[in-house]
Amino acid sequence: MAFYFIADTHFGHENALAFDNRPFRTIEEHDRVLAENWNGAVGMDDEVFILGDISWMNASKTIALVKRLNGIKHLIVGNHDKNLLKNREFQSLFAEITDYKEILLPDKTGIVLSHYPIPCFNHHFYGWYHLYGHVHSSFEWNMMERVKYEMEALYDKPCRMYNCGAMIDYMGYTPRTLEEIVQGKKGESE
């Protein structure tokens, strides 16, 4: 069993193609590639933490799609998930649904999970990580990267915050393990 993370899949959200400059001609291609990538990475017994904004489609289309995705799914609620949460069948697809979560991986690595970035997250000074989404690849993400830089460079404090939005280069429209996210981010900055 492995633990995977992803945010901002935005299945069915045609505007996300332009907003994020996602490299797909149609939303159908986007959704097909994301589902294929997901099932290529995630096994049936793996845990997947979706950090919000899973779908823009109606409940019945979203339910059909989520049922085809591998893994035991946990939803950390994003700002675009509220209407879907009114549907009980949609709710039943997740092992849990919460706004915020703190987890310990089997190796005792701690992670704070939220749809929204939290620069001063809990356990920040104790080596924990923070995974988030919401800010896409926008000026807001640049702002979070600046905060991270200032904490590390100016205040000599480690800041293990990572945007795991599907569209981020090191995510590659695929759920990733914490190790893959950290290594991908390091590779991006080299």
N, C-alpha and C. Protein backbone atom coordinates (compact mmCIF):
# COMPACT_ATOMS: atom_id res chain seq x y z
N MET A 1 0.85 -1.19 0.00
CA MET A 1 0.00 0.00 0.00
C MET A 1 0.89 1.25 0.00
N ALA A 2 0.53 2.19 -0.84
CA ALA A 2 1.25 3.47 -0.93
C ALA A 2 0.26 4.60 -0.70
N PHE A 3 0.79 5.79 -0.43
CA PHE A 3 -0.03 6.98 -0.20
C PHE A 3 0.24 7.97 -1.32
N TYR A 4 -0.84 8.42 -1.97
CA TYR A 4 -0.75 9.34 -3.10
C TYR A 4 -1.52 10.62 -2.80
N PHE A 5 -1.11 11.69 -3.49
CA PHE A 5 -1.70 13.01 -3.27
C PHE A 5 -1.89 13.71 -4.61
N ILE A 6 -2.99 14.45 -4.73
CA ILE A 6 -3.25 15.27 -5.91
C ILE A 6 -4.31 16.30 -5.56
N ALA A 7 -4.26 17.44 -6.20
CA ALA A 7 -5.27 18.49 -6.01
C ALA A 7 -5.68 19.02 -7.38
N ASP A 8 -6.81 19.69 -7.40
CA ASP A 8 -7.24 20.47 -8.56
C ASP A 8 -7.28 19.66 -9.86
N THR A 9 -7.86 18.47 -9.80
CA THR A 9 -8.02 17.70 -11.04
C THR A 9 -9.00 18.39 -11.98
N HIS A 10 -10.00 19.03 -11.44
CA HIS A 10 -10.96 19.80 -12.23
C HIS A 10 -11.50 18.99 -13.42
N PHE A 11 -11.88 17.76 -13.16
CA PHE A 11 -12.49 16.95 -14.22
C PHE A 11 -13.70 17.71 -14.78
N GLY A 12 -13.82 17.74 -16.09
CA GLY A 12 -14.96 18.37 -16.74
C GLY A 12 -14.96 19.88 -16.75
N HIS A 13 -13.92 20.51 -16.28
CA HIS A 13 -13.89 21.97 -16.16
C HIS A 13 -13.14 22.57 -17.36
N GLU A 14 -13.87 22.87 -18.39
CA GLU A 14 -13.28 23.35 -19.64
C GLU A 14 -12.46 24.62 -19.45
N ASN A 15 -12.89 25.53 -18.59
CA ASN A 15 -12.14 26.77 -18.36
C ASN A 15 -10.77 26.52 -17.76
N ALA A 16 -10.61 25.39 -17.07
CA ALA A 16 -9.30 25.08 -16.47
C ALA A 16 -8.24 24.85 -17.53
N LEU A 17 -8.65 24.42 -18.73
CA LEU A 17 -7.68 24.21 -19.81
C LEU A 17 -6.95 25.51 -20.11
N ALA A 18 -7.70 26.59 -20.27
CA ALA A 18 -7.09 27.88 -20.57
C ALA A 18 -6.48 28.52 -19.34
N PHE A 19 -7.18 28.45 -18.21
CA PHE A 19 -6.72 29.10 -16.98
C PHE A 19 -5.33 28.60 -16.58
N ASP A 20 -5.12 27.30 -16.69
CA ASP A 20 -3.84 26.69 -16.30
C ASP A 20 -2.93 26.41 -17.49
N ASN A 21 -3.38 26.76 -18.68
CA ASN A 21 -2.63 26.41 -19.88
C ASN A 21 -2.36 24.90 -19.91
N ARG A 22 -3.41 24.11 -19.61
CA ARG A 22 -3.28 22.66 -19.62
C ARG A 22 -3.14 22.19 -21.07
N PRO A 23 -2.23 21.27 -21.33
CA PRO A 23 -1.86 20.91 -22.71
C PRO A 23 -2.80 19.91 -23.39
N PHE A 24 -4.09 20.17 -23.34
CA PHE A 24 -5.07 19.26 -23.93
C PHE A 24 -5.96 20.04 -24.89
N ARG A 25 -6.32 19.41 -25.99
CA ARG A 25 -7.18 20.07 -26.98
C ARG A 25 -8.62 20.19 -26.51
N THR A 26 -9.09 19.17 -25.77
CA THR A 26 -10.49 19.16 -25.31
C THR A 26 -10.53 18.72 -23.86
N ILE A 27 -11.63 19.02 -23.21
CA ILE A 27 -11.80 18.57 -21.82
C ILE A 27 -11.94 17.06 -21.76
N GLU A 28 -12.47 16.45 -22.81
CA GLU A 28 -12.59 15.00 -22.84
C GLU A 28 -11.20 14.34 -22.86
N GLU A 29 -10.29 14.91 -23.64
CA GLU A 29 -8.90 14.41 -23.67
C GLU A 29 -8.27 14.59 -22.29
N HIS A 30 -8.45 15.76 -21.71
CA HIS A 30 -7.94 16.06 -20.37
C HIS A 30 -8.40 15.01 -19.37
N ASP A 31 -9.72 14.77 -19.33
CA ASP A 31 -10.27 13.84 -18.35
C ASP A 31 -9.78 12.41 -18.59
N ARG A 32 -9.68 12.01 -19.86
CA ARG A 32 -9.20 10.66 -20.20
C ARG A 32 -7.75 10.48 -19.75
N VAL A 33 -6.89 11.46 -20.04
CA VAL A 33 -5.48 11.36 -19.67
C VAL A 33 -5.31 11.35 -18.15
N LEU A 34 -6.03 12.21 -17.44
CA LEU A 34 -5.92 12.22 -15.98
C LEU A 34 -6.36 10.88 -15.39
N ALA A 35 -7.45 10.30 -15.89
CA ALA A 35 -7.93 9.01 -15.38
C ALA A 35 -6.93 7.90 -15.70
N GLU A 36 -6.37 7.92 -16.91
CA GLU A 36 -5.37 6.91 -17.28
C GLU A 36 -4.12 7.05 -16.42
N ASN A 37 -3.65 8.28 -16.23
CA ASN A 37 -2.47 8.51 -15.38
C ASN A 37 -2.74 8.03 -13.96
N TRP A 38 -3.93 8.37 -13.45
CA TRP A 38 -4.31 7.98 -12.09
C TRP A 38 -4.23 6.47 -11.95
N ASN A 39 -4.92 5.74 -12.83
CA ASN A 39 -4.98 4.29 -12.72
C ASN A 39 -3.66 3.62 -13.06
N GLY A 40 -2.80 4.30 -13.82
CA GLY A 40 -1.47 3.79 -14.09
C GLY A 40 -0.54 3.89 -12.89
N ALA A 41 -0.81 4.84 -12.00
CA ALA A 41 0.05 5.07 -10.83
C ALA A 41 -0.50 4.41 -9.56
N VAL A 42 -1.80 4.45 -9.40
CA VAL A 42 -2.45 4.07 -8.14
C VAL A 42 -3.02 2.66 -8.24
N GLY A 43 -2.69 1.83 -7.25
CA GLY A 43 -3.26 0.49 -7.17
C GLY A 43 -4.58 0.51 -6.40
N MET A 44 -5.29 -0.58 -6.45
CA MET A 44 -6.61 -0.66 -5.81
C MET A 44 -6.54 -0.45 -4.29
N ASP A 45 -5.44 -0.90 -3.65
CA ASP A 45 -5.32 -0.80 -2.20
C ASP A 45 -4.54 0.43 -1.73
N ASP A 46 -4.14 1.28 -2.66
CA ASP A 46 -3.40 2.49 -2.29
C ASP A 46 -4.36 3.55 -1.76
N GLU A 47 -3.85 4.41 -0.90
CA GLU A 47 -4.63 5.52 -0.34
C GLU A 47 -4.35 6.76 -1.18
N VAL A 48 -5.43 7.45 -1.60
CA VAL A 48 -5.28 8.67 -2.41
C VAL A 48 -5.97 9.82 -1.69
N PHE A 49 -5.22 10.86 -1.42
CA PHE A 49 -5.76 12.06 -0.80
C PHE A 49 -5.94 13.11 -1.88
N ILE A 50 -7.20 13.44 -2.15
CA ILE A 50 -7.55 14.43 -3.16
C ILE A 50 -7.75 15.75 -2.42
N LEU A 51 -6.87 16.71 -2.69
CA LEU A 51 -6.89 17.96 -1.94
C LEU A 51 -7.76 19.00 -2.61
N GLY A 52 -8.98 18.61 -2.92
CA GLY A 52 -10.00 19.54 -3.37
C GLY A 52 -10.10 19.76 -4.86
N ASP A 53 -11.28 20.28 -5.22
CA ASP A 53 -11.62 20.66 -6.60
C ASP A 53 -11.48 19.48 -7.56
N ILE A 54 -12.18 18.41 -7.22
CA ILE A 54 -12.10 17.18 -8.00
C ILE A 54 -12.79 17.31 -9.35
N SER A 55 -13.97 17.96 -9.40
CA SER A 55 -14.74 17.93 -10.64
C SER A 55 -15.64 19.14 -10.77
N TRP A 56 -15.88 19.49 -12.01
CA TRP A 56 -16.80 20.58 -12.37
C TRP A 56 -18.08 19.99 -12.95
N MET A 57 -18.10 18.67 -13.14
CA MET A 57 -19.26 18.01 -13.74
C MET A 57 -20.38 17.85 -12.72
N ASN A 58 -21.56 17.48 -13.21
CA ASN A 58 -22.67 17.23 -12.29
C ASN A 58 -22.38 15.95 -11.50
N ALA A 59 -23.20 15.70 -10.49
CA ALA A 59 -22.94 14.59 -9.58
C ALA A 59 -22.93 13.24 -10.29
N SER A 60 -23.87 12.97 -11.18
CA SER A 60 -23.92 11.65 -11.80
C SER A 60 -22.69 11.39 -12.67
N LYS A 61 -22.23 12.38 -13.43
CA LYS A 61 -21.02 12.19 -14.24
C LYS A 61 -19.78 12.06 -13.36
N THR A 62 -19.72 12.84 -12.30
CA THR A 62 -18.58 12.77 -11.39
C THR A 62 -18.54 11.40 -10.70
N ILE A 63 -19.69 10.92 -10.26
CA ILE A 63 -19.76 9.62 -9.60
C ILE A 63 -19.26 8.53 -10.53
N ALA A 64 -19.72 8.54 -11.77
CA ALA A 64 -19.29 7.53 -12.75
C ALA A 64 -17.77 7.57 -12.94
N LEU A 65 -17.20 8.76 -13.00
CA LEU A 65 -15.76 8.91 -13.19
C LEU A 65 -14.99 8.44 -11.96
N VAL A 66 -15.39 8.89 -10.78
CA VAL A 66 -14.66 8.55 -9.55
C VAL A 66 -14.70 7.04 -9.30
N LYS A 67 -15.80 6.39 -9.66
CA LYS A 67 -15.90 4.94 -9.49
C LYS A 67 -14.85 4.20 -10.32
N ARG A 68 -14.40 4.81 -11.42
CA ARG A 68 -13.41 4.17 -12.30
C ARG A 68 -11.97 4.41 -11.83
N LEU A 69 -11.78 5.27 -10.84
CA LEU A 69 -10.43 5.61 -10.38
C LEU A 69 -9.99 4.65 -9.27
N ASN A 70 -8.78 4.13 -9.39
CA ASN A 70 -8.24 3.19 -8.40
C ASN A 70 -8.00 3.87 -7.06
N GLY A 71 -7.93 3.04 -6.04
CA GLY A 71 -7.51 3.48 -4.73
C GLY A 71 -8.63 3.73 -3.75
N ILE A 72 -8.23 3.84 -2.51
CA ILE A 72 -9.12 4.22 -1.41
C ILE A 72 -9.01 5.73 -1.32
N LYS A 73 -10.10 6.41 -1.62
CA LYS A 73 -10.07 7.85 -1.82
C LYS A 73 -10.51 8.63 -0.58
N HIS A 74 -9.75 9.68 -0.27
CA HIS A 74 -10.05 10.61 0.81
C HIS A 74 -10.19 11.98 0.17
N LEU A 75 -11.24 12.71 0.49
CA LEU A 75 -11.44 14.03 -0.08
C LEU A 75 -11.21 15.11 0.98
N ILE A 76 -10.25 15.96 0.72
CA ILE A 76 -10.05 17.17 1.50
C ILE A 76 -10.78 18.24 0.69
N VAL A 77 -11.82 18.80 1.24
CA VAL A 77 -12.78 19.62 0.50
C VAL A 77 -12.15 20.90 -0.03
N GLY A 78 -12.43 21.16 -1.31
CA GLY A 78 -12.01 22.39 -1.96
C GLY A 78 -13.20 23.29 -2.21
N ASN A 79 -12.94 24.48 -2.67
CA ASN A 79 -14.01 25.47 -2.87
C ASN A 79 -14.97 25.07 -3.98
N HIS A 80 -14.58 24.17 -4.89
CA HIS A 80 -15.49 23.76 -5.97
C HIS A 80 -16.17 22.42 -5.69
N ASP A 81 -16.06 21.89 -4.50
CA ASP A 81 -16.64 20.59 -4.18
C ASP A 81 -17.98 20.67 -3.45
N LYS A 82 -18.39 21.84 -3.05
CA LYS A 82 -19.55 22.01 -2.18
C LYS A 82 -20.84 21.41 -2.76
N ASN A 83 -21.13 21.69 -4.04
CA ASN A 83 -22.38 21.17 -4.61
C ASN A 83 -22.37 19.66 -4.71
N LEU A 84 -21.24 19.08 -5.05
CA LEU A 84 -21.15 17.62 -5.14
C LEU A 84 -21.40 16.96 -3.79
N LEU A 85 -21.00 17.63 -2.73
CA LEU A 85 -21.15 17.05 -1.39
C LEU A 85 -22.60 16.95 -0.93
N LYS A 86 -23.51 17.56 -1.66
CA LYS A 86 -24.94 17.43 -1.34
C LYS A 86 -25.48 16.06 -1.75
N ASN A 87 -24.72 15.34 -2.57
CA ASN A 87 -25.15 14.05 -3.09
C ASN A 87 -24.58 12.91 -2.23
N ARG A 88 -25.45 12.09 -1.66
CA ARG A 88 -25.01 11.01 -0.76
C ARG A 88 -24.21 9.94 -1.48
N GLU A 89 -24.58 9.64 -2.73
CA GLU A 89 -23.82 8.63 -3.46
C GLU A 89 -22.39 9.12 -3.70
N PHE A 90 -22.23 10.39 -4.02
CA PHE A 90 -20.90 10.96 -4.18
C PHE A 90 -20.12 10.83 -2.87
N GLN A 91 -20.75 11.18 -1.76
CA GLN A 91 -20.11 11.08 -0.46
C GLN A 91 -19.64 9.65 -0.17
N SER A 92 -20.43 8.68 -0.59
CA SER A 92 -20.13 7.27 -0.27
C SER A 92 -18.89 6.75 -0.99
N LEU A 93 -18.37 7.48 -1.97
CA LEU A 93 -17.19 7.04 -2.72
C LEU A 93 -15.88 7.27 -1.98
N PHE A 94 -15.95 7.95 -0.84
CA PHE A 94 -14.75 8.34 -0.11
C PHE A 94 -14.68 7.68 1.26
N ALA A 95 -13.48 7.27 1.64
CA ALA A 95 -13.27 6.72 2.97
C ALA A 95 -13.52 7.79 4.02
N GLU A 96 -13.24 9.04 3.65
CA GLU A 96 -13.52 10.17 4.53
C GLU A 96 -13.59 11.44 3.70
N ILE A 97 -14.28 12.42 4.26
CA ILE A 97 -14.39 13.75 3.66
C ILE A 97 -14.17 14.74 4.80
N THR A 98 -13.19 15.61 4.62
CA THR A 98 -12.87 16.57 5.67
C THR A 98 -12.28 17.84 5.05
N ASP A 99 -12.28 18.91 5.82
CA ASP A 99 -11.71 20.17 5.35
C ASP A 99 -10.20 20.26 5.55
N TYR A 100 -9.70 19.48 6.51
CA TYR A 100 -8.30 19.58 6.92
C TYR A 100 -7.92 18.24 7.53
N LYS A 101 -6.67 17.82 7.33
CA LYS A 101 -6.27 16.52 7.88
C LYS A 101 -4.78 16.54 8.18
N GLU A 102 -4.41 15.90 9.28
CA GLU A 102 -3.02 15.66 9.61
C GLU A 102 -2.83 14.15 9.62
N ILE A 103 -1.81 13.67 8.89
CA ILE A 103 -1.57 12.23 8.84
C ILE A 103 -0.12 11.93 9.17
N LEU A 104 0.11 10.72 9.64
CA LEU A 104 1.45 10.17 9.82
C LEU A 104 1.57 9.00 8.87
N LEU A 105 2.57 9.04 8.00
CA LEU A 105 2.84 7.92 7.12
C LEU A 105 3.44 6.78 7.96
N PRO A 106 3.47 5.57 7.43
CA PRO A 106 4.02 4.45 8.21
C PRO A 106 5.44 4.70 8.74
N ASP A 107 6.24 5.51 8.03
CA ASP A 107 7.60 5.82 8.49
C ASP A 107 7.63 6.98 9.49
N LYS A 108 6.44 7.41 9.93
CA LYS A 108 6.26 8.49 10.93
C LYS A 108 6.47 9.89 10.34
N THR A 109 6.53 10.03 9.02
CA THR A 109 6.57 11.34 8.39
C THR A 109 5.19 11.98 8.53
N GLY A 110 5.15 13.20 9.04
CA GLY A 110 3.89 13.91 9.24
C GLY A 110 3.57 14.84 8.09
N ILE A 111 2.28 14.86 7.72
CA ILE A 111 1.84 15.73 6.63
C ILE A 111 0.55 16.43 7.02
N VAL A 112 0.50 17.73 6.80
CA VAL A 112 -0.71 18.54 6.96
C VAL A 112 -1.33 18.68 5.57
N LEU A 113 -2.60 18.31 5.45
CA LEU A 113 -3.31 18.34 4.17
C LEU A 113 -4.43 19.36 4.22
N SER A 114 -4.46 20.23 3.22
CA SER A 114 -5.50 21.23 3.11
C SER A 114 -5.62 21.63 1.64
N HIS A 115 -6.81 21.99 1.22
CA HIS A 115 -6.94 22.51 -0.14
C HIS A 115 -6.19 23.84 -0.27
N TYR A 116 -6.18 24.60 0.80
CA TYR A 116 -5.61 25.94 0.79
C TYR A 116 -4.21 25.95 1.41
N PRO A 117 -3.28 26.74 0.87
CA PRO A 117 -1.94 26.83 1.46
C PRO A 117 -1.98 27.51 2.82
N ILE A 118 -1.18 26.98 3.74
CA ILE A 118 -1.09 27.51 5.10
C ILE A 118 0.39 27.74 5.40
N PRO A 119 0.90 28.95 5.20
CA PRO A 119 2.32 29.19 5.38
C PRO A 119 2.84 28.87 6.79
N CYS A 120 2.04 29.05 7.80
CA CYS A 120 2.46 28.74 9.17
C CYS A 120 1.68 27.51 9.65
N PHE A 121 1.86 26.39 8.95
CA PHE A 121 1.08 25.18 9.25
C PHE A 121 1.54 24.52 10.55
N ASN A 122 0.66 23.72 11.12
CA ASN A 122 0.94 23.01 12.37
C ASN A 122 2.14 22.08 12.19
N HIS A 123 2.98 22.00 13.22
CA HIS A 123 4.17 21.14 13.25
C HIS A 123 5.25 21.59 12.25
N HIS A 124 5.13 22.82 11.77
CA HIS A 124 6.06 23.36 10.79
C HIS A 124 7.51 23.22 11.24
N PHE A 125 7.77 23.48 12.51
CA PHE A 125 9.14 23.45 13.02
C PHE A 125 9.58 22.06 13.48
N TYR A 126 8.72 21.07 13.26
CA TYR A 126 9.04 19.71 13.70
C TYR A 126 9.23 18.76 12.51
N GLY A 127 9.54 19.31 11.34
CA GLY A 127 9.86 18.49 10.20
C GLY A 127 8.67 17.97 9.40
N TRP A 128 7.48 18.45 9.71
CA TRP A 128 6.31 18.01 8.96
C TRP A 128 6.28 18.67 7.58
N TYR A 129 5.46 18.10 6.72
CA TYR A 129 5.22 18.63 5.38
C TYR A 129 3.82 19.21 5.31
N HIS A 130 3.60 20.09 4.34
CA HIS A 130 2.26 20.61 4.07
C HIS A 130 2.00 20.49 2.58
N LEU A 131 0.95 19.75 2.22
CA LEU A 131 0.54 19.62 0.83
C LEU A 131 -0.77 20.37 0.65
N TYR A 132 -0.88 21.07 -0.46
CA TYR A 132 -2.04 21.92 -0.71
C TYR A 132 -2.29 22.04 -2.21
N GLY A 133 -3.36 22.72 -2.57
CA GLY A 133 -3.69 23.02 -3.96
C GLY A 133 -4.19 24.45 -4.04
N HIS A 134 -5.30 24.63 -4.74
CA HIS A 134 -6.06 25.87 -4.83
C HIS A 134 -5.42 26.99 -5.63
N VAL A 135 -4.13 27.22 -5.45
CA VAL A 135 -3.52 28.40 -6.07
C VAL A 135 -3.04 28.16 -7.50
N HIS A 136 -3.20 26.93 -8.00
CA HIS A 136 -2.84 26.58 -9.36
C HIS A 136 -1.41 27.02 -9.66
N SER A 137 -1.12 27.45 -10.85
CA SER A 137 0.22 27.92 -11.19
C SER A 137 0.13 29.43 -11.44
N SER A 138 -0.41 30.12 -10.47
CA SER A 138 -0.74 31.54 -10.59
C SER A 138 0.18 32.41 -9.74
N PHE A 139 -0.12 33.68 -9.72
CA PHE A 139 0.64 34.61 -8.87
C PHE A 139 0.52 34.21 -7.40
N GLU A 140 -0.60 33.58 -7.03
CA GLU A 140 -0.76 33.15 -5.63
C GLU A 140 0.24 32.04 -5.29
N TRP A 141 0.48 31.13 -6.23
CA TRP A 141 1.50 30.10 -5.99
C TRP A 141 2.87 30.75 -5.91
N ASN A 142 3.13 31.71 -6.80
CA ASN A 142 4.41 32.43 -6.73
C ASN A 142 4.57 33.11 -5.37
N MET A 143 3.46 33.64 -4.85
CA MET A 143 3.49 34.27 -3.54
C MET A 143 3.85 33.25 -2.46
N MET A 144 3.27 32.04 -2.52
CA MET A 144 3.58 30.99 -1.55
C MET A 144 5.04 30.54 -1.68
N GLU A 145 5.52 30.47 -2.92
CA GLU A 145 6.92 30.10 -3.13
C GLU A 145 7.85 31.18 -2.56
N ARG A 146 7.43 32.43 -2.64
CA ARG A 146 8.21 33.54 -2.08
C ARG A 146 8.25 33.43 -0.55
N VAL A 147 7.11 33.13 0.06
CA VAL A 147 7.05 32.94 1.51
C VAL A 147 7.99 31.81 1.92
N LYS A 148 7.94 30.70 1.18
CA LYS A 148 8.80 29.55 1.45
C LYS A 148 10.28 29.96 1.34
N TYR A 149 10.61 30.68 0.29
CA TYR A 149 11.99 31.15 0.10
C TYR A 149 12.44 32.03 1.27
N GLU A 150 11.58 32.96 1.66
CA GLU A 150 11.94 33.87 2.76
C GLU A 150 12.14 33.12 4.06
N MET A 151 11.28 32.15 4.36
CA MET A 151 11.46 31.37 5.59
C MET A 151 12.81 30.66 5.59
N GLU A 152 13.16 30.09 4.44
CA GLU A 152 14.39 29.30 4.36
C GLU A 152 15.63 30.19 4.25
N ALA A 153 15.59 31.18 3.39
CA ALA A 153 16.79 31.99 3.13
C ALA A 153 17.01 33.09 4.16
N LEU A 154 15.95 33.76 4.55
CA LEU A 154 16.10 34.89 5.46
C LEU A 154 16.04 34.51 6.93
N TYR A 155 15.24 33.48 7.25
CA TYR A 155 15.05 33.11 8.65
C TYR A 155 15.64 31.77 9.01
N ASP A 156 16.26 31.10 8.03
CA ASP A 156 16.92 29.82 8.24
C ASP A 156 15.98 28.78 8.87
N LYS A 157 14.72 28.78 8.42
CA LYS A 157 13.72 27.82 8.89
C LYS A 157 13.27 26.96 7.71
N PRO A 158 13.34 25.65 7.84
CA PRO A 158 12.87 24.82 6.73
C PRO A 158 11.36 25.01 6.50
N CYS A 159 10.96 24.98 5.26
CA CYS A 159 9.54 25.13 4.94
C CYS A 159 9.17 24.09 3.90
N ARG A 160 8.57 23.04 4.35
CA ARG A 160 8.25 21.90 3.49
C ARG A 160 6.81 21.98 2.98
N MET A 161 6.50 23.04 2.26
CA MET A 161 5.19 23.24 1.64
C MET A 161 5.28 22.89 0.17
N TYR A 162 4.30 22.11 -0.33
CA TYR A 162 4.31 21.73 -1.74
C TYR A 162 2.91 21.81 -2.33
N ASN A 163 2.83 22.49 -3.45
CA ASN A 163 1.59 22.57 -4.22
C ASN A 163 1.47 21.25 -4.99
N CYS A 164 0.40 20.51 -4.79
CA CYS A 164 0.24 19.25 -5.52
C CYS A 164 -0.93 19.32 -6.48
N GLY A 165 -1.17 20.52 -7.04
CA GLY A 165 -2.15 20.68 -8.09
C GLY A 165 -1.76 19.85 -9.31
N ALA A 166 -2.73 19.20 -9.92
CA ALA A 166 -2.48 18.30 -11.06
C ALA A 166 -1.65 18.96 -12.15
N MET A 167 -1.84 20.26 -12.35
CA MET A 167 -1.20 20.96 -13.46
C MET A 167 0.24 21.40 -13.20
N ILE A 168 0.70 21.26 -11.97
CA ILE A 168 2.07 21.64 -11.64
C ILE A 168 3.02 20.66 -12.33
N ASP A 169 4.12 21.17 -12.89
CA ASP A 169 5.02 20.34 -13.70
C ASP A 169 5.40 19.03 -13.02
N TYR A 170 5.81 19.08 -11.75
CA TYR A 170 6.27 17.87 -11.09
C TYR A 170 5.13 16.91 -10.73
N MET A 171 3.89 17.36 -10.88
CA MET A 171 2.75 16.46 -10.67
C MET A 171 2.38 15.74 -11.97
N GLY A 172 2.48 16.42 -13.10
CA GLY A 172 2.25 15.78 -14.39
C GLY A 172 0.87 15.16 -14.55
N TYR A 173 -0.16 15.77 -13.95
CA TYR A 173 -1.54 15.28 -14.08
C TYR A 173 -1.68 13.85 -13.57
N THR A 174 -0.93 13.56 -12.49
CA THR A 174 -0.87 12.21 -11.93
C THR A 174 -0.79 12.29 -10.41
N PRO A 175 -1.54 11.46 -9.68
CA PRO A 175 -1.32 11.40 -8.23
C PRO A 175 0.13 10.96 -7.96
N ARG A 176 0.75 11.60 -6.97
CA ARG A 176 2.15 11.32 -6.66
C ARG A 176 2.31 11.01 -5.18
N THR A 177 3.36 10.24 -4.86
CA THR A 177 3.72 10.01 -3.47
C THR A 177 4.43 11.26 -2.95
N LEU A 178 4.57 11.37 -1.65
CA LEU A 178 5.29 12.50 -1.07
C LEU A 178 6.72 12.53 -1.61
N GLU A 179 7.37 11.39 -1.67
CA GLU A 179 8.75 11.34 -2.17
C GLU A 179 8.82 11.84 -3.62
N GLU A 180 7.86 11.44 -4.46
CA GLU A 180 7.85 11.90 -5.85
C GLU A 180 7.64 13.41 -5.93
N ILE A 181 6.78 13.94 -5.07
CA ILE A 181 6.51 15.38 -5.06
C ILE A 181 7.78 16.14 -4.67
N VAL A 182 8.42 15.71 -3.59
CA VAL A 182 9.62 16.39 -3.12
C VAL A 182 10.74 16.29 -4.15
N GLN A 183 10.97 15.10 -4.70
CA GLN A 183 12.02 14.93 -5.70
C GLN A 183 11.71 15.70 -6.98
N GLY A 184 10.43 15.70 -7.38
CA GLY A 184 10.04 16.43 -8.59
C GLY A 184 10.25 17.92 -8.44
N LYS A 185 9.92 18.44 -7.27
CA LYS A 185 10.12 19.87 -7.01
C LYS A 185 11.61 20.20 -7.01
N LYS A 186 12.43 19.33 -6.41
CA LYS A 186 13.87 19.57 -6.41
C LYS A 186 14.41 19.56 -7.83
N GLY A 187 13.96 18.60 -8.63
CA GLY A 187 14.40 18.52 -10.02
C GLY A 187 14.00 19.72 -10.84
N GLU A 188 12.82 20.28 -10.52
CA GLU A 188 12.33 21.45 -11.23
C GLU A 188 13.19 22.67 -10.94
N SER A 189 13.71 22.78 -9.71
CA SER A 189 14.45 23.97 -9.33
C SER A 189 15.94 23.86 -9.64
N GLU A 190 16.40 22.71 -10.12
CA GLU A 190 17.83 22.57 -10.46
C GLU A 190 18.16 23.13 -11.82
